[in-house]
Protein backbone atom coordinates (compact mmCIF):
# COMPACT_ATOMS: atom_id res chain seq x y z
CA MET A 1 55.61 -28.60 25.94
CA ASN A 2 57.07 -31.88 27.13
CA VAL A 3 54.92 -34.87 26.30
CA LEU A 4 54.67 -38.50 27.28
CA LYS A 5 56.18 -40.59 24.51
CA LYS A 6 54.67 -43.84 23.28
CA ILE A 7 57.07 -46.66 24.17
CA ALA A 8 56.53 -50.34 23.43
CA SER A 9 55.63 -52.36 26.49
CA ALA A 10 58.22 -54.94 25.49
CA VAL A 11 60.99 -52.69 26.77
CA ALA A 12 59.07 -52.31 30.08
CA ALA A 13 59.67 -48.58 30.24
CA VAL A 14 57.20 -45.73 30.19
CA ALA A 15 57.99 -42.00 30.14
CA VAL A 16 55.84 -40.08 32.62
CA LEU A 17 54.95 -36.42 32.94
CA ALA A 18 54.95 -34.79 36.34
CA GLY A 19 52.05 -35.82 38.52
CA ILE A 20 50.22 -38.66 36.73
CA SER A 21 51.35 -42.27 36.72
CA VAL A 22 51.14 -44.79 33.91
CA PRO A 23 51.53 -48.59 34.40
CA VAL A 24 54.74 -50.42 33.67
CA GLY A 25 54.28 -53.61 31.68
CA ALA A 26 50.63 -52.87 30.91
CA ALA A 27 48.89 -55.27 28.56
CA ASP A 28 48.95 -54.42 24.85
CA SER A 29 45.13 -54.61 24.84
CA THR A 30 44.80 -51.26 26.62
CA LEU A 31 45.16 -47.73 25.32
CA LYS A 32 48.23 -45.82 26.46
CA LEU A 33 47.29 -42.59 28.21
CA LEU A 34 49.27 -39.40 27.60
CA THR A 35 49.11 -36.40 29.90
CA GLU A 36 50.39 -32.82 29.93
CA GLU A 37 50.37 -30.78 33.12
CA VAL A 38 48.73 -27.35 32.85
CA ASP A 39 48.51 -24.36 35.17
CA SER A 40 44.77 -23.74 35.01
CA GLU A 41 41.44 -25.44 34.52
CA PHE A 42 40.35 -25.89 30.91
CA GLY A 43 36.80 -25.70 29.63
CA SER A 44 35.32 -26.56 26.26
CA LEU A 45 33.34 -24.41 23.86
CA PRO A 46 30.99 -25.82 21.19
CA VAL A 47 33.63 -25.37 18.47
CA ASP A 48 36.06 -28.16 17.55
CA GLY A 49 39.49 -27.41 19.00
CA LEU A 50 38.62 -24.09 20.70
CA LEU A 51 39.16 -24.17 24.47
CA CYS A 52 38.95 -21.61 27.23
CA VAL A 53 41.43 -21.32 30.10
CA LEU A 54 39.55 -20.64 33.33
CA ASN A 55 40.57 -18.72 36.44
CA GLU A 56 39.90 -19.83 40.02
CA ASN A 57 36.36 -18.42 39.80
CA GLU A 58 35.75 -20.41 36.59
CA PHE A 59 35.55 -17.35 34.36
CA ILE A 60 37.51 -17.16 31.09
CA ASP A 61 41.07 -15.82 31.26
CA GLU A 62 42.18 -16.68 27.72
CA PHE A 63 41.48 -18.87 24.69
CA VAL A 64 43.66 -21.57 23.14
CA SER A 65 43.26 -23.91 20.19
CA ILE A 66 44.05 -27.63 20.01
CA PRO A 67 42.72 -28.78 16.62
CA GLN A 68 42.50 -32.46 15.67
CA SER A 69 45.74 -32.14 13.68
CA ALA A 70 47.62 -31.09 16.84
CA LEU A 71 45.92 -33.83 18.85
CA LYS A 72 46.88 -36.43 16.24
CA LYS A 73 50.51 -35.29 16.42
CA TRP A 74 50.50 -35.60 20.22
CA ARG A 75 48.90 -39.05 20.09
CA SER A 76 51.52 -40.27 17.61
CA GLY A 77 54.43 -39.34 19.90
CA GLY A 78 55.00 -35.66 19.19
CA ASN A 79 54.66 -32.68 21.50
CA LEU A 80 51.32 -31.18 22.42
CA ASP A 81 51.10 -27.83 20.66
CA MET A 82 48.53 -25.34 21.89
CA THR A 83 47.94 -22.20 19.87
CA ASP A 84 47.12 -18.95 21.68
CA VAL A 85 43.92 -17.48 20.26
CA GLU A 86 43.94 -13.70 19.92
CA VAL A 87 40.75 -11.73 20.54
CA GLY A 88 40.38 -8.92 18.02
CA GLY A 89 38.24 -6.12 19.35
CA LYS A 90 37.39 -4.64 22.72
CA VAL A 91 36.22 -7.09 25.37
CA ASN A 92 35.86 -6.85 29.14
CA TRP A 93 37.64 -9.88 30.63
CA ASP A 94 35.98 -9.49 34.05
CA ASN A 95 33.51 -12.32 34.69
CA LEU A 96 33.60 -13.47 31.06
CA LEU A 97 31.63 -16.61 30.14
CA GLY A 98 31.15 -18.76 27.07
CA THR A 99 27.75 -20.12 26.02
CA ASN A 100 26.30 -23.22 24.39
CA ASP A 101 26.08 -21.04 21.30
CA ASN A 102 29.51 -20.95 19.62
CA SER A 103 28.96 -17.35 18.48
CA LEU A 104 28.40 -15.59 21.80
CA LEU A 105 30.33 -14.48 24.90
CA LEU A 106 28.86 -12.83 27.99
CA ASN A 107 29.87 -10.61 30.89
CA VAL A 108 27.90 -11.25 34.08
CA ASP A 109 27.70 -9.46 37.42
CA SER A 110 28.25 -11.06 40.86
CA ASP A 111 24.64 -12.33 40.86
CA GLY A 112 24.95 -13.93 37.43
CA ASN A 113 22.94 -11.26 35.60
CA ILE A 114 24.11 -10.59 32.04
CA GLU A 115 25.73 -7.18 31.63
CA LYS A 116 27.08 -7.42 28.10
CA TYR A 117 26.76 -9.58 24.99
CA TYR A 118 29.55 -10.17 22.44
CA ALA A 119 28.86 -11.61 18.97
CA ILE A 120 32.04 -13.38 17.83
CA ASP A 121 33.56 -15.04 14.76
CA TYR A 122 36.32 -17.67 15.17
CA ASN A 123 38.65 -18.32 12.22
CA GLY A 124 39.21 -21.94 13.25
CA LYS A 125 42.83 -21.42 14.20
CA ASP A 126 44.17 -18.46 16.14
CA LYS A 127 41.77 -15.50 16.20
CA ILE A 128 38.36 -14.52 17.56
CA ASP A 129 36.86 -11.31 16.17
CA ILE A 130 34.28 -9.27 18.09
CA VAL A 131 31.55 -8.68 15.48
CA ARG A 132 29.21 -6.71 17.73
CA SER A 133 28.80 -5.94 21.43
CA SER A 134 25.75 -4.69 23.30
CA SER A 135 24.45 -4.19 26.82
CA GLU A 136 20.95 -5.10 25.52
CA TRP A 137 19.82 -8.60 24.57
CA MET A 138 21.48 -9.86 21.40
CA ASN A 139 22.46 -13.12 19.78
CA TYR A 140 24.52 -14.16 16.78
CA MET A 141 23.73 -17.28 14.77
CA ASN A 142 24.81 -18.29 11.26
CA GLY A 143 26.00 -14.76 10.45
CA TRP A 144 22.85 -13.01 11.71
CA VAL A 145 22.77 -10.61 14.65
CA VAL A 146 19.36 -10.92 16.31
CA SER A 147 18.24 -8.18 18.70
CA ASN A 148 15.31 -6.25 20.09
CA SER A 149 14.43 -2.86 18.68
CA SER A 150 12.05 -0.64 20.64
CA SER A 151 10.78 2.91 20.39
CA GLY A 152 8.17 4.13 22.82
CA ASN A 153 5.46 1.46 23.03
CA LEU A 154 6.60 -0.20 19.82
CA PHE A 155 8.53 -3.49 20.05
CA SER A 156 10.35 -5.00 17.05
CA LEU A 157 12.45 -7.97 16.03
CA LYS A 158 15.65 -6.88 14.29
CA CYS A 159 17.92 -9.19 12.22
CA GLU A 160 21.16 -7.92 10.69
CA ASN A 161 23.79 -9.66 8.58
CA PRO A 162 27.05 -7.66 9.00
CA GLU A 163 28.70 -9.44 6.07
CA THR A 164 25.97 -8.80 3.46
CA GLY A 165 24.58 -5.61 5.00
CA LYS A 166 21.02 -6.97 4.96
CA THR A 167 18.74 -5.78 7.77
CA TYR A 168 15.16 -6.87 8.49
CA THR A 169 12.99 -5.25 11.15
CA GLU A 170 9.53 -6.57 11.98
CA LYS A 171 7.16 -4.66 14.25
CA ILE A 172 5.45 -6.91 16.77
CA PRO A 173 1.67 -6.22 16.95
CA PHE A 174 1.27 -7.29 20.58
CA ASP A 175 -1.38 -5.99 22.95
CA GLY A 176 1.08 -4.70 25.55
CA THR A 177 0.96 -7.80 27.78
CA TYR A 178 3.85 -9.92 26.50
CA ALA A 179 6.40 -10.05 23.66
CA TRP A 180 9.67 -11.97 23.52
CA ASN A 181 12.20 -12.41 20.71
CA PHE A 182 14.66 -15.28 20.31
CA TYR A 183 17.22 -16.53 17.79
CA MET A 184 16.76 -19.78 15.85
CA SER A 185 18.74 -22.24 13.74
CA GLY A 186 17.74 -24.29 10.72
CA LYS A 187 14.99 -22.94 8.44
CA TYR A 188 14.47 -19.74 10.47
CA ILE A 189 16.99 -17.20 11.74
CA ALA A 190 14.85 -15.72 14.53
CA GLY A 191 11.45 -15.91 16.14
CA THR A 192 9.03 -14.08 18.40
CA VAL A 193 6.14 -15.01 20.69
CA TYR A 194 3.57 -12.41 21.73
CA THR A 195 0.03 -11.86 22.98
CA THR A 196 -2.55 -10.29 20.66
CA LYS A 197 -5.38 -10.19 23.21
CA THR A 198 -5.71 -10.54 27.00
CA TYR A 199 -9.13 -10.89 28.56
CA PRO A 200 -11.02 -12.53 31.52
CA ASP A 201 -11.88 -16.14 30.72
CA PRO A 202 -15.68 -16.57 30.88
CA ALA A 203 -15.26 -20.33 31.27
CA LEU A 204 -13.56 -19.64 34.62
CA ASP A 205 -16.08 -16.99 35.75
CA GLY A 206 -13.66 -14.25 34.79
CA LYS A 207 -11.33 -15.09 37.71
CA TYR A 208 -8.45 -15.93 35.39
CA ASN A 209 -7.26 -14.35 32.16
CA LYS A 210 -7.07 -15.93 28.79
CA TYR A 211 -4.29 -15.07 26.37
CA ASP A 212 -4.38 -15.24 22.59
CA ILE A 213 -0.79 -16.00 21.63
CA VAL A 214 1.13 -16.13 18.33
CA VAL A 215 4.55 -17.59 17.48
CA LYS A 216 6.26 -16.39 14.29
CA GLY A 217 9.57 -17.16 12.60
CA MET A 218 11.72 -15.05 10.27
CA LYS A 219 13.54 -16.60 7.31
CA SER A 220 16.86 -15.39 5.89
CA ASN A 221 14.96 -13.60 3.08
CA GLY A 222 13.09 -11.51 5.67
CA LYS A 223 9.80 -13.40 5.26
CA PHE A 224 7.82 -13.57 8.52
CA GLU A 225 5.72 -16.75 8.93
CA THR A 226 3.18 -17.78 11.57
CA LEU A 227 4.25 -21.02 13.28
CA TYR A 228 1.68 -21.40 16.07
CA THR A 229 -1.45 -19.79 17.55
CA ASP A 230 -3.46 -20.67 20.66
CA SER A 231 -5.77 -19.33 23.38
CA VAL A 232 -4.53 -20.37 26.84
CA ASN A 233 -4.78 -19.56 30.56
CA PHE A 234 -1.03 -19.81 31.09
CA PHE A 235 2.03 -19.91 28.80
CA ASP A 236 5.79 -20.01 29.30
CA PRO A 237 8.12 -19.83 26.24
CA THR A 238 11.75 -21.06 26.38
CA ARG A 239 14.44 -21.82 23.82
CA GLY A 240 17.07 -24.55 23.77
CA GLU A 241 20.08 -25.19 21.57
CA ASN A 242 18.11 -26.41 18.52
CA PHE A 243 14.47 -26.06 19.53
CA PHE A 244 11.84 -23.66 20.80
CA GLN A 245 9.05 -24.65 23.19
CA ILE A 246 5.96 -23.00 24.54
CA SER A 247 4.48 -24.61 27.63
CA THR A 248 0.76 -24.00 28.17
CA MET A 249 -2.13 -24.72 30.52
CA THR A 250 -5.76 -24.35 29.48
CA ALA A 251 -8.74 -25.34 31.62
CA PRO A 252 -9.90 -28.08 31.90
CA TYR A 253 -6.70 -29.55 30.42
CA GLY A 254 -3.34 -29.86 32.14
CA TRP A 255 0.26 -29.05 31.29
CA VAL A 256 1.27 -29.31 27.61
CA ASN A 257 4.64 -28.66 25.97
CA HIS A 258 4.62 -27.68 22.30
CA VAL A 259 8.19 -28.23 21.05
CA PHE A 260 9.31 -26.83 17.68
CA LEU A 261 12.30 -28.80 16.31
CA GLU A 262 14.23 -26.18 14.36
CA ASP A 263 16.30 -28.49 12.14
CA SER A 264 13.24 -30.30 10.78
CA ALA A 265 10.78 -27.38 11.28
CA GLU A 266 8.18 -29.65 12.91
CA TRP A 267 6.15 -29.49 16.12
CA VAL A 268 6.05 -32.24 18.77
CA THR A 269 3.49 -32.19 21.57
CA ILE A 270 4.51 -33.47 25.01
CA ILE A 271 1.68 -34.21 27.44
CA THR A 272 2.56 -35.48 30.93
CA ASP A 273 0.86 -35.69 34.31
CA SER A 274 3.52 -33.39 35.80
CA LYS A 275 5.24 -30.16 34.75
CA TYR A 276 8.21 -30.95 32.52
CA TYR A 277 10.31 -28.47 30.57
CA VAL A 278 12.46 -29.71 27.70
CA GLU A 279 16.12 -28.78 28.28
CA LYS A 280 17.89 -30.40 25.32
CA VAL A 281 16.77 -32.20 22.17
CA TYR A 282 18.87 -34.88 20.43
CA GLY A 283 17.00 -36.22 17.41
CA LYS A 284 13.99 -38.01 18.86
CA ASN A 285 15.24 -37.91 22.44
CA ALA A 286 15.05 -35.04 24.89
CA VAL A 287 16.33 -34.25 28.38
CA ALA A 288 13.48 -32.74 30.39
CA THR A 289 13.33 -30.99 33.76
CA LEU A 290 10.56 -31.81 36.23
CA VAL A 291 9.53 -28.78 38.32
CA ASP A 292 7.20 -28.46 41.31
CA ASN A 293 4.33 -26.00 41.72
CA TYR A 294 6.79 -23.34 42.90
CA GLY A 295 8.98 -23.67 39.80
CA GLU A 296 11.82 -25.42 41.66
CA THR A 297 13.68 -28.23 39.87
CA VAL A 298 12.78 -31.71 41.14
CA GLY A 299 14.95 -33.72 38.74
CA TYR A 300 15.72 -34.67 35.15
CA GLN A 301 14.30 -37.43 32.98
CA LEU A 302 14.71 -38.75 29.46
CA ILE A 303 11.76 -38.27 27.10
CA LYS A 304 11.39 -40.09 23.80
CA LEU A 305 9.66 -37.99 21.13
CA THR A 306 7.31 -40.04 18.97
CA GLU A 307 4.76 -39.39 16.24
CA LYS A 308 2.00 -39.87 18.84
CA GLY A 309 3.60 -37.39 21.27
CA SER A 310 6.09 -38.43 23.92
CA GLU A 311 7.08 -41.18 26.32
CA LEU A 312 9.01 -40.89 29.61
CA LYS A 313 11.99 -43.27 29.73
CA GLY A 314 13.84 -44.60 32.79
CA ASP A 315 14.06 -42.96 36.20
CA LEU A 316 14.25 -39.40 37.46
CA TYR A 317 17.80 -38.17 38.14
CA LYS A 318 19.45 -35.33 40.03
CA ASP A 319 21.31 -34.29 36.85
CA MET A 320 21.54 -35.42 33.21
CA TYR A 321 23.68 -34.29 30.28
CA THR A 322 25.15 -35.61 27.03
CA LEU A 323 27.10 -34.62 23.93
CA ASP A 324 26.19 -37.39 21.48
CA GLY A 325 22.53 -37.91 22.43
CA LYS A 326 23.09 -41.68 22.64
CA LEU A 327 24.61 -42.18 26.08
CA TYR A 328 23.67 -39.77 28.87
CA CYS A 329 25.66 -38.90 31.99
CA VAL A 330 23.41 -38.98 35.06
CA LYS A 331 23.66 -38.25 38.76
CA THR A 332 21.46 -40.34 41.03
CA PHE A 333 19.74 -38.95 44.11
CA ASP A 334 22.32 -40.76 46.28
CA ASP A 335 25.05 -38.89 44.32
CA LYS A 336 26.33 -41.75 42.18
CA LEU A 337 27.43 -40.83 38.66
CA GLY A 338 26.87 -43.07 35.68
CA PHE A 339 25.48 -43.54 32.18
CA ILE A 340 22.04 -44.40 30.80
CA ASN A 341 21.11 -45.34 27.23
CA THR A 342 18.27 -43.98 25.10
CA ASN A 343 15.86 -46.45 26.72
CA GLY A 344 16.65 -44.99 30.14
CA LYS A 345 18.53 -48.06 31.37
CA LEU A 346 21.29 -47.38 33.92
CA LEU A 347 24.40 -49.07 32.50
CA ALA A 348 27.07 -48.45 35.15
CA THR A 349 28.02 -46.07 37.99
CA PHE A 350 31.36 -44.49 38.91
CA ASP A 351 32.77 -41.82 41.24
CA ASP A 352 32.94 -39.28 38.38
CA VAL A 353 32.05 -39.33 34.68
CA SER A 354 32.06 -37.07 31.65
CA GLU A 355 30.42 -37.26 28.24
CA PHE A 356 31.12 -39.48 25.27
CA ASP A 357 32.54 -37.55 22.31
CA GLY A 358 33.47 -40.26 19.85
CA LYS A 359 34.11 -43.83 21.00
CA TYR A 360 35.25 -43.22 24.59
CA ALA A 361 34.38 -41.36 27.77
CA PRO A 362 36.56 -40.66 30.85
CA VAL A 363 35.50 -41.96 34.27
CA VAL A 364 36.92 -42.08 37.81
CA LYS A 365 36.60 -45.10 40.10
CA ASN A 366 38.42 -45.59 43.41
CA GLY A 367 40.78 -42.69 42.75
CA LYS A 368 41.74 -43.88 39.26
CA ALA A 369 40.73 -42.34 35.95
CA TYR A 370 40.43 -44.36 32.76
CA LEU A 371 38.49 -44.53 29.49
CA VAL A 372 35.43 -46.71 28.90
CA ASP A 373 33.79 -47.68 25.64
CA LYS A 374 30.04 -47.67 25.00
CA ALA A 375 29.75 -51.16 26.48
CA MET A 376 31.09 -49.67 29.75
CA LYS A 377 34.30 -51.70 29.46
CA CYS A 378 37.65 -50.29 30.57
CA VAL A 379 39.80 -49.75 27.45
CA SER A 380 42.80 -47.83 28.82
CA GLU A 381 45.44 -47.69 31.47
CA LYS A 382 44.46 -46.17 34.81
CA ILE A 383 45.92 -43.00 36.29
CA SER A 384 45.48 -41.28 39.65
CA ALA A 385 42.68 -38.68 39.42
CA THR A 386 39.75 -37.14 41.26
CA TYR A 387 37.91 -35.37 38.41
CA VAL A 388 37.51 -35.72 34.63
CA ASN A 389 35.91 -33.61 31.88
CA THR A 390 35.54 -34.21 28.14
CA LEU A 391 36.90 -31.27 26.11
CA GLY A 392 36.45 -32.80 22.66
CA GLU A 393 36.86 -36.06 20.78
CA GLY A 394 39.93 -37.74 22.27
CA LEU A 395 40.82 -34.78 24.53
CA TYR A 396 40.10 -34.64 28.24
CA TYR A 397 40.79 -32.45 31.27
CA VAL A 398 41.84 -34.26 34.46
CA GLU A 399 42.45 -33.19 38.04
CA ASN A 400 44.34 -35.10 40.71
CA GLY A 401 43.99 -33.05 43.88
CA SER A 402 45.52 -29.65 43.12
CA LYS A 403 47.26 -30.85 39.95
CA LYS A 404 45.69 -30.28 36.54
CA TYR A 405 46.29 -32.08 33.24
CA LEU A 406 45.22 -32.45 29.64
CA MET A 407 44.89 -36.10 28.62
CA THR A 408 44.57 -38.16 25.45
CA TYR A 409 45.46 -41.70 24.37
CA ALA A 410 48.31 -42.85 22.16
CA SER A 411 46.38 -45.27 19.98
CA ASP A 412 42.76 -46.25 19.47
CA SER A 413 43.45 -49.54 17.72
CA ALA A 414 43.67 -51.65 20.89
CA THR A 415 41.03 -54.14 21.94
CA THR A 416 39.02 -53.64 25.12
CA THR A 417 39.44 -55.35 28.46
CA THR A 418 36.89 -55.94 31.18
CA PRO A 419 37.94 -55.00 34.75
CA ALA A 420 37.70 -57.76 37.31
CA THR A 421 35.24 -57.12 40.12
CA THR A 422 36.43 -59.71 42.62
CA LYS A 423 39.76 -60.17 44.36
CA PRO A 424 41.85 -63.00 42.86
CA SER A 425 42.67 -66.02 44.93
CA THR A 426 46.26 -65.82 46.21
CA ASN A 427 48.46 -67.87 48.48
CA GLY A 428 51.54 -65.88 49.42
CA LYS A 429 51.93 -64.52 45.90
CA ASP A 430 55.22 -62.63 45.39
CA ILE A 431 54.23 -58.95 45.19
CA SER A 432 57.28 -58.08 43.08
CA ARG A 433 55.82 -60.08 40.18
CA LEU A 434 52.63 -58.03 39.99
CA GLU A 435 51.83 -55.07 37.71
CA PHE A 436 53.01 -51.74 39.17
CA TYR A 437 52.07 -48.29 37.97
CA LYS A 438 55.30 -46.37 37.51
CA LEU A 439 55.52 -43.57 40.04
CA ALA A 440 55.05 -40.08 38.66
CA ASN A 441 57.37 -37.16 39.22
CA GLU A 442 56.52 -35.39 42.48
CA GLU A 443 56.88 -31.65 42.95
CA TYR A 444 59.38 -30.47 45.55
CA THR A 445 57.73 -29.03 48.67
CA GLY A 446 60.55 -28.92 51.23
CA GLY A 447 58.80 -31.62 53.26
CA LYS A 448 58.55 -35.40 53.06
CA ILE A 449 56.87 -36.76 49.94
CA CYS A 450 55.12 -40.12 50.24
CA PRO A 451 53.64 -41.31 46.93
CA ASP A 452 51.22 -44.21 46.98
CA PRO A 453 51.87 -46.66 44.12
CA SER A 454 49.04 -48.42 42.28
CA ILE A 455 49.54 -52.19 42.23
CA TYR A 456 47.39 -54.55 40.16
CA ASP A 457 46.94 -58.31 40.38
CA GLY A 458 45.17 -58.76 37.06
CA ASN A 459 42.52 -56.05 37.29
CA TYR A 460 42.31 -56.15 41.09
CA LEU A 461 43.75 -53.01 42.71
CA LEU A 462 45.67 -53.93 45.88
CA GLU A 463 44.89 -52.07 49.12
CA GLU A 464 47.53 -50.56 51.41
CA LYS A 465 47.77 -52.19 54.90
CA THR A 466 45.58 -55.08 53.70
CA ASP A 467 47.86 -56.31 50.90
CA TYR A 468 51.06 -54.30 51.41
CA THR A 469 52.88 -51.72 53.54
CA LEU A 470 55.05 -48.77 52.46
CA SER A 471 58.30 -47.20 53.68
CA TYR A 472 60.39 -44.40 52.13
CA LYS A 473 64.00 -43.21 51.70
CA ASN A 474 65.46 -39.95 50.32
CA ASN A 475 61.96 -38.50 49.94
CA THR A 476 62.59 -34.85 50.86
CA ALA A 477 65.30 -33.28 48.67
CA LEU A 478 65.35 -32.72 44.91
CA GLY A 479 66.53 -35.84 43.16
CA THR A 480 65.53 -39.51 43.33
CA GLY A 481 63.38 -40.91 46.12
CA THR A 482 62.69 -44.54 47.01
CA VAL A 483 59.52 -46.42 47.97
CA ILE A 484 59.79 -49.89 49.48
CA VAL A 485 56.66 -52.01 49.03
CA LYS A 486 56.37 -55.02 51.36
CA GLY A 487 53.67 -57.62 50.83
CA CYS A 488 51.35 -58.61 53.67
CA GLY A 489 48.18 -60.64 54.08
CA LYS A 490 48.02 -62.94 51.08
CA TYR A 491 51.06 -61.32 49.45
CA SER A 492 54.76 -61.77 50.26
CA GLY A 493 58.08 -60.34 49.11
CA THR A 494 59.19 -56.75 48.50
CA LYS A 495 59.48 -54.37 45.57
CA THR A 496 61.62 -51.21 45.40
CA LEU A 497 60.35 -48.30 43.31
CA LYS A 498 62.05 -45.05 42.38
CA PHE A 499 60.48 -41.65 41.81
CA ASN A 500 61.80 -38.18 40.95
CA ILE A 501 61.33 -35.09 43.11
CA VAL A 502 61.31 -32.16 40.70
CA LEU A 503 60.79 -28.41 40.61
CA LYS A 504 57.28 -27.23 39.83
CA LYS A 505 56.73 -25.74 36.38
CA PRO A 506 56.51 -21.93 36.74
CA ALA A 507 53.18 -20.17 36.21
CA PHE A 508 54.18 -17.54 33.65
CA SER A 509 52.61 -14.59 31.83
CA ALA A 510 53.83 -11.99 29.33
CA LYS A 511 52.13 -8.82 28.14
CA LYS A 512 53.19 -6.15 25.70
CA ASN A 513 53.91 -2.66 27.01
CA GLY A 514 53.58 -0.40 24.00
CA ASN A 515 55.24 -1.36 20.72
CA SER A 516 58.77 -1.84 22.03
CA LYS A 517 58.51 -3.46 25.46
CA ALA A 518 57.18 -6.63 27.09
CA ALA A 519 56.43 -7.20 30.78
CA LEU A 520 57.18 -10.74 31.98
CA SER A 521 56.06 -12.13 35.35
CA TRP A 522 55.90 -15.49 37.10
CA LYS A 523 55.07 -17.06 40.43
CA LYS A 524 57.63 -18.33 42.95
CA VAL A 525 58.68 -21.97 42.60
CA THR A 526 59.55 -23.59 45.94
CA GLY A 527 63.19 -24.73 46.06
CA ALA A 528 64.28 -22.81 42.96
CA ALA A 529 67.75 -21.23 42.96
CA GLY A 530 66.80 -19.05 39.99
CA TYR A 531 64.99 -18.84 36.66
CA GLU A 532 66.08 -18.95 33.02
CA ILE A 533 64.13 -16.86 30.49
CA TYR A 534 64.13 -17.72 26.79
CA TYR A 535 62.64 -15.89 23.82
CA ALA A 536 62.13 -16.36 20.07
CA ALA A 537 61.45 -13.71 17.43
CA GLY A 538 58.93 -14.59 14.73
CA ASN A 539 59.42 -18.21 13.64
CA GLY A 540 62.99 -18.30 14.90
CA SER A 541 64.43 -20.71 17.47
CA PHE A 542 64.48 -19.97 21.20
CA LYS A 543 67.50 -18.17 22.67
CA LYS A 544 68.43 -17.50 26.27
CA LEU A 545 67.44 -13.99 27.30
CA ALA A 546 68.49 -13.92 30.93
CA SER A 547 69.11 -15.89 34.10
CA VAL A 548 67.73 -14.30 37.28
CA SER A 549 67.85 -15.04 41.00
CA SER A 550 65.27 -16.92 43.07
CA SER A 551 63.94 -13.63 44.51
CA THR A 552 63.12 -12.14 41.09
CA PHE A 553 59.61 -12.68 39.72
CA SER A 554 59.37 -10.18 36.89
CA LYS A 555 61.42 -8.72 34.05
CA SER A 556 60.92 -5.94 31.53
CA VAL A 557 62.19 -6.60 28.00
CA SER A 558 62.90 -3.58 25.77
CA ARG A 559 64.00 -2.77 22.24
CA LEU A 560 61.35 -4.99 20.65
CA ASP A 561 59.56 -4.32 17.38
CA ILE A 562 56.11 -5.56 18.37
CA LYS A 563 54.38 -3.50 15.70
CA ASN A 564 56.10 -5.44 12.90
CA ASN A 565 57.10 -8.71 14.57
CA SER A 566 55.88 -11.30 17.06
CA TYR A 567 57.78 -12.69 20.04
CA LYS A 568 57.46 -15.85 22.13
CA PHE A 569 58.64 -16.16 25.73
CA ARG A 570 59.00 -19.06 28.16
CA ILE A 571 60.71 -19.70 31.47
CA ARG A 572 62.02 -22.56 33.62
CA ALA A 573 63.26 -22.83 37.19
CA PHE A 574 66.59 -24.37 38.16
CA ALA A 575 68.24 -25.65 41.34
CA THR A 576 70.92 -28.08 42.55
CA ALA A 577 69.77 -31.64 43.33
CA SER A 578 70.97 -33.82 46.24
CA ASN A 579 73.61 -35.40 43.96
CA GLY A 580 75.10 -31.98 43.20
CA LYS A 581 73.80 -31.78 39.63
CA LYS A 582 71.88 -28.83 38.24
CA VAL A 583 68.23 -29.69 37.59
CA TYR A 584 65.46 -27.85 35.77
CA SER A 585 61.71 -27.69 35.94
CA SER A 586 59.58 -28.28 32.86
CA TRP A 587 59.17 -25.27 30.61
CA SER A 588 56.33 -22.92 31.43
CA LYS A 589 53.67 -22.38 28.82
CA THR A 590 54.91 -20.37 25.85
CA VAL A 591 53.32 -16.91 25.61
CA LYS A 592 53.18 -15.09 22.28
CA ILE A 593 52.85 -11.32 21.92
CA GLY A 594 52.69 -9.19 18.82
């Protein structure tokens, strides 16, 4: 893949990938942003470096790996190398989802109901193995497959370790009213909650039932231990990423959450005036959901877990999520996005935000994406964007309209800068002396292309028609276009900017057809005169395979030895620019088979 190179600001030149702009002459105190255009949306999985490529319906199409070593190479000026991750074993790719658990994949139907479970092992580099699949409930944690086992009226908890061959099955002595199994982390590998007795509550004149309930946990040696017992009028068990909770109501008392923290194997009791369910636990902090009497979500709030119980912190929000458990992304009820700290204090709001993973988080403000530190200070250059998502430490997914990118930063040694919030005082300031974001490459469409440059006076972003006007030349054909910026209002003078109109990178796929053939296909690129196809065998260098016309969108390759060798394929479009020279698109993604 082509990659944005780190260039010293002293030479006043910045290399730019198609679609995202980076400032010329930016101060040395800001991080340089690097971007790589991609064909599809990327999502993260809770495994370092393992990413999923999503289709238009946001289901998984494929897996790729970008480990920290590859990210470090990209950030130091090399190319971004993504490794295709092979899935070993049979899997249905229709409506495939990942989970918060790094050891499980799911197939769902059109209504979101789970149809199949896949227990997986990832080797940390280039392969996912399907350990087990089932249409019945199953989970896979720390090498243990946890499932239900039933025969007639008997209900059991079953734990299997495929690597060691150990299997433990525990019959659940419930009274026929309720039994539910779940997987666990930490000291226990699985758990169950069940009723031992259901009867009319005499304290309520027999109008309501009372339930004697038991919670048990199974250790890795097969030992089954009682964790909790109670007699209640209502109970609702749920499990989160590293905790189990059972919410109860018992007359004359109100709503109580009993939360079992799996890492420390301790219980915390949460008593509130309203019905809260714990969603996530991060040390002594928890994200909780407030529900109404009909079970509908009202909002989310931060709860601090203490030795005496719990304490609600800050305000109620429309949404709340975090990765590090220290700074939380929130959505206010007037749809502003921002961050709160562990005391519930709202620190700042933006147009879009994503989580902190490490020192920085991506945000969007006024159509520009940039990184902020934990003091909410801008620490990077700004690029045009409408959406951001954290994929891992130092790796982000960015959208700018229909264009999609992966993003990182070239160095994390720079000091931070604080954006100005007020417009600087000017008196006919020459606009040509201000800081301009270099215009990105624009994809050829056949119509007029009118990019809007970002112009900064300090940290103030100038506004079109208020501070400047735009006109264009040569902005239709492949080649070099021109933007003329003319100051107005409190700005004077003109500035001429150049931008490239380029062919779009082809969307490309390759699949094996038996052990000797490969089927290649790609989507039409507007303005292309044809396509060049390259291949490489094993670890060899790429060689030209064929050049095809603009009306050809597939090719079959034969006489391959896929059984004993691997092959890589890639493609690029070509055309003739307005100056008569032959021009090429960026290379498509490289697809490996065999």
